[in-house]
Amino acid sequence: MYIYISLMKKKLINISFFIFLSIVISPQVIKADDLFDLGKKIFLEKGNCTTCHTLNDANSYGNVGPNLDEIKPDITRILLAVTNGIGVMPSYEGELSKAEIIAVATYVAQITN
């Protein structure tokens, strides 16, 4: 159990560091609205999130994964789930770029909180 917690802490630190770097060192400025819009597009299309999740803003009513409107996940929880997978949800690391993962996490976190 300790090893699992240690690995999760390490991944959380890596994700947090990546977010920090992407914000501070980003060569192009991304407006908050652009990031939100990109995240919604990924949620609806490339991420195929609507198949499993309920999210009113996206008109999605999947019932395999949690209802995102009800659980109101924070951005860290979303980043971890999308990057590593959780339960029946697969990891999207490799299918989505890190920037796309951040965008979809931003969208879900903002629209549900």
C-alpha atoms as a PDB file:
ATOM      1  CA  MET A   1       0.000   0.000   0.000  1.00  0.00           C
ATOM      2  CA  TYR A   2       2.853   2.378   0.863  1.00  0.00           C
ATOM      3  CA  ILE A   3       4.481   1.802  -2.542  1.00  0.00           C
ATOM      4  CA  TYR A   4       1.183   2.567  -4.309  1.00  0.00           C
ATOM      5  CA  ILE A   5       0.723   5.823  -2.351  1.00  0.00           C
ATOM      6  CA  SER A   6       4.330   6.773  -3.037  1.00  0.00           C
ATOM      7  CA  LEU A   7       3.870   6.200  -6.773  1.00  0.00           C
ATOM      8  CA  MET A   8       0.644   8.222  -6.813  1.00  0.00           C
ATOM      9  CA  LYS A   9       2.361  11.104  -5.006  1.00  0.00           C
ATOM     10  CA  LYS A  10       5.186  10.988  -7.520  1.00  0.00           C
ATOM     11  CA  LYS A  11       2.748  11.074 -10.465  1.00  0.00           C
ATOM     12  CA  LEU A  12       0.804  13.926  -8.868  1.00  0.00           C
ATOM     13  CA  ILE A  13       4.012  15.915  -8.410  1.00  0.00           C
ATOM     14  CA  ASN A  14       4.992  15.239 -12.040  1.00  0.00           C
ATOM     15  CA  ILE A  15       1.585  16.318 -13.340  1.00  0.00           C
ATOM     16  CA  SER A  16       1.609  19.459 -11.181  1.00  0.00           C
ATOM     17  CA  PHE A  17       5.114  20.310 -12.363  1.00  0.00           C
ATOM     18  CA  PHE A  18       4.094  19.789 -16.000  1.00  0.00           C
ATOM     19  CA  ILE A  19       1.111  22.095 -15.577  1.00  0.00           C
ATOM     20  CA  PHE A  20       3.322  24.725 -13.962  1.00  0.00           C
ATOM     21  CA  LEU A  21       5.885  24.498 -16.757  1.00  0.00           C
ATOM     22  CA  SER A  22       3.280  24.560 -19.495  1.00  0.00           C
ATOM     23  CA  ILE A  23       1.813  27.744 -18.055  1.00  0.00           C
ATOM     24  CA  VAL A  24       5.107  29.521 -17.355  1.00  0.00           C
ATOM     25  CA  ILE A  25       7.209  28.462 -20.330  1.00  0.00           C
ATOM     26  CA  SER A  26       4.559  28.053 -22.997  1.00  0.00           C
ATOM     27  CA  PRO A  27       5.877  29.551 -26.256  1.00  0.00           C
ATOM     28  CA  GLN A  28       2.410  30.614 -27.317  1.00  0.00           C
ATOM     29  CA  VAL A  29      -0.154  32.266 -25.138  1.00  0.00           C
ATOM     30  CA  ILE A  30      -3.397  30.319 -24.885  1.00  0.00           C
ATOM     31  CA  LYS A  31      -6.407  32.295 -23.728  1.00  0.00           C
ATOM     32  CA  ALA A  32      -8.542  30.666 -21.048  1.00  0.00           C
ATOM     33  CA  ASP A  33     -11.512  30.561 -23.445  1.00  0.00           C
ATOM     34  CA  ASP A  34      -9.413  28.797 -26.089  1.00  0.00           C
ATOM     35  CA  LEU A  35      -8.267  26.159 -23.608  1.00  0.00           C
ATOM     36  CA  PHE A  36     -11.856  25.656 -22.425  1.00  0.00           C
ATOM     37  CA  ASP A  37     -13.136  25.354 -26.012  1.00  0.00           C
ATOM     38  CA  LEU A  38     -10.376  22.905 -26.935  1.00  0.00           C
ATOM     39  CA  GLY A  39     -11.190  20.834 -23.843  1.00  0.00           C
ATOM     40  CA  LYS A  40     -14.863  20.690 -24.764  1.00  0.00           C
ATOM     41  CA  LYS A  41     -14.015  19.623 -28.303  1.00  0.00           C
ATOM     42  CA  ILE A  42     -11.771  16.842 -26.993  1.00  0.00           C
ATOM     43  CA  PHE A  43     -14.472  15.742 -24.526  1.00  0.00           C
ATOM     44  CA  LEU A  44     -17.014  15.527 -27.356  1.00  0.00           C
ATOM     45  CA  GLU A  45     -14.802  14.101 -30.088  1.00  0.00           C
ATOM     46  CA  LYS A  46     -11.264  12.781 -29.725  1.00  0.00           C
ATOM     47  CA  GLY A  47     -11.538  11.734 -26.080  1.00  0.00           C
ATOM     48  CA  ASN A  48     -14.893  10.032 -26.679  1.00  0.00           C
ATOM     49  CA  CYS A  49     -15.801  10.908 -23.075  1.00  0.00           C
ATOM     50  CA  THR A  50     -19.502  11.192 -23.831  1.00  0.00           C
ATOM     51  CA  THR A  51     -19.762   7.441 -24.290  1.00  0.00           C
ATOM     52  CA  CYS A  52     -19.272   6.806 -20.574  1.00  0.00           C
ATOM     53  CA  HIS A  53     -19.841  10.075 -18.706  1.00  0.00           C
ATOM     54  CA  THR A  54     -22.798  12.305 -17.989  1.00  0.00           C
ATOM     55  CA  LEU A  55     -22.059  16.002 -18.384  1.00  0.00           C
ATOM     56  CA  ASN A  56     -24.976  18.357 -19.003  1.00  0.00           C
ATOM     57  CA  ASP A  57     -22.911  21.016 -20.786  1.00  0.00           C
ATOM     58  CA  ALA A  58     -21.832  18.422 -23.352  1.00  0.00           C
ATOM     59  CA  ASN A  59     -25.313  16.883 -23.668  1.00  0.00           C
ATOM     60  CA  SER A  60     -23.795  13.543 -22.702  1.00  0.00           C
ATOM     61  CA  TYR A  61     -25.641  10.989 -20.636  1.00  0.00           C
ATOM     62  CA  GLY A  62     -23.337   7.963 -20.419  1.00  0.00           C
ATOM     63  CA  ASN A  63     -23.742   5.773 -17.361  1.00  0.00           C
ATOM     64  CA  VAL A  64     -20.596   3.630 -17.383  1.00  0.00           C
ATOM     65  CA  GLY A  65     -18.401   6.223 -15.669  1.00  0.00           C
ATOM     66  CA  PRO A  66     -19.358   8.685 -12.972  1.00  0.00           C
ATOM     67  CA  ASN A  67     -21.777  11.546 -13.520  1.00  0.00           C
ATOM     68  CA  LEU A  68     -19.336  14.458 -13.662  1.00  0.00           C
ATOM     69  CA  ASP A  69     -22.044  16.991 -12.780  1.00  0.00           C
ATOM     70  CA  GLU A  70     -22.633  15.149  -9.505  1.00  0.00           C
ATOM     71  CA  ILE A  71     -19.071  14.369  -8.387  1.00  0.00           C
ATOM     72  CA  LYS A  72     -17.674  17.770  -9.455  1.00  0.00           C
ATOM     73  CA  PRO A  73     -14.063  16.584  -9.770  1.00  0.00           C
ATOM     74  CA  ASP A  74     -11.218  19.044  -9.290  1.00  0.00           C
ATOM     75  CA  ILE A  75      -8.577  19.422 -11.977  1.00  0.00           C
ATOM     76  CA  THR A  76      -6.026  17.222 -10.192  1.00  0.00           C
ATOM     77  CA  ARG A  77      -8.466  14.338  -9.935  1.00  0.00           C
ATOM     78  CA  ILE A  78      -9.305  14.657 -13.639  1.00  0.00           C
ATOM     79  CA  LEU A  79      -5.664  14.858 -14.686  1.00  0.00           C
ATOM     80  CA  LEU A  80      -4.854  11.710 -12.718  1.00  0.00           C
ATOM     81  CA  ALA A  81      -7.855   9.783 -14.092  1.00  0.00           C
ATOM     82  CA  VAL A  82      -7.284  10.760 -17.726  1.00  0.00           C
ATOM     83  CA  THR A  83      -3.518  10.237 -17.565  1.00  0.00           C
ATOM     84  CA  ASN A  84      -3.458   6.965 -15.599  1.00  0.00           C
ATOM     85  CA  GLY A  85      -6.945   5.539 -16.005  1.00  0.00           C
ATOM     86  CA  ILE A  86      -9.086   4.486 -13.045  1.00  0.00           C
ATOM     87  CA  GLY A  87     -11.483   1.566 -12.623  1.00  0.00           C
ATOM     88  CA  VAL A  88     -12.808   0.632 -16.072  1.00  0.00           C
ATOM     89  CA  MET A  89     -11.570   3.916 -17.565  1.00  0.00           C
ATOM     90  CA  PRO A  90      -8.389   3.378 -19.598  1.00  0.00           C
ATOM     91  CA  SER A  91      -5.387   5.671 -19.564  1.00  0.00           C
ATOM     92  CA  TYR A  92      -5.426   8.261 -22.331  1.00  0.00           C
ATOM     93  CA  GLU A  93      -1.712   8.945 -22.008  1.00  0.00           C
ATOM     94  CA  GLY A  94      -0.368   8.361 -25.493  1.00  0.00           C
ATOM     95  CA  GLU A  95      -3.773   8.805 -27.145  1.00  0.00           C
ATOM     96  CA  LEU A  96      -4.082  12.427 -26.070  1.00  0.00           C
ATOM     97  CA  SER A  97      -1.142  14.805 -25.816  1.00  0.00           C
ATOM     98  CA  LYS A  98      -0.332  16.330 -22.442  1.00  0.00           C
ATOM     99  CA  ALA A  99      -1.750  19.636 -23.694  1.00  0.00           C
ATOM    100  CA  GLU A 100      -4.995  17.909 -24.719  1.00  0.00           C
ATOM    101  CA  ILE A 101      -5.243  16.194 -21.323  1.00  0.00           C
ATOM    102  CA  ILE A 102      -4.817  19.562 -19.610  1.00  0.00           C
ATOM    103  CA  ALA A 103      -7.441  21.104 -21.903  1.00  0.00           C
ATOM    104  CA  VAL A 104     -10.104  18.444 -21.247  1.00  0.00           C
ATOM    105  CA  ALA A 105      -9.344  18.535 -17.507  1.00  0.00           C
ATOM    106  CA  THR A 106      -9.705  22.317 -17.517  1.00  0.00           C
ATOM    107  CA  TYR A 107     -13.032  22.091 -19.323  1.00  0.00           C
ATOM    108  CA  VAL A 108     -14.531  19.469 -16.995  1.00  0.00           C
ATOM    109  CA  ALA A 109     -13.227  21.157 -13.832  1.00  0.00           C
ATOM    110  CA  GLN A 110     -14.520  24.592 -14.857  1.00  0.00           C
ATOM    111  CA  ILE A 111     -17.933  23.466 -16.073  1.00  0.00           C
ATOM    112  CA  THR A 112     -18.666  21.302 -13.008  1.00  0.00           C
ATOM    113  CA  ASN A 113     -17.378  23.607 -10.253  1.00  0.00           C
END
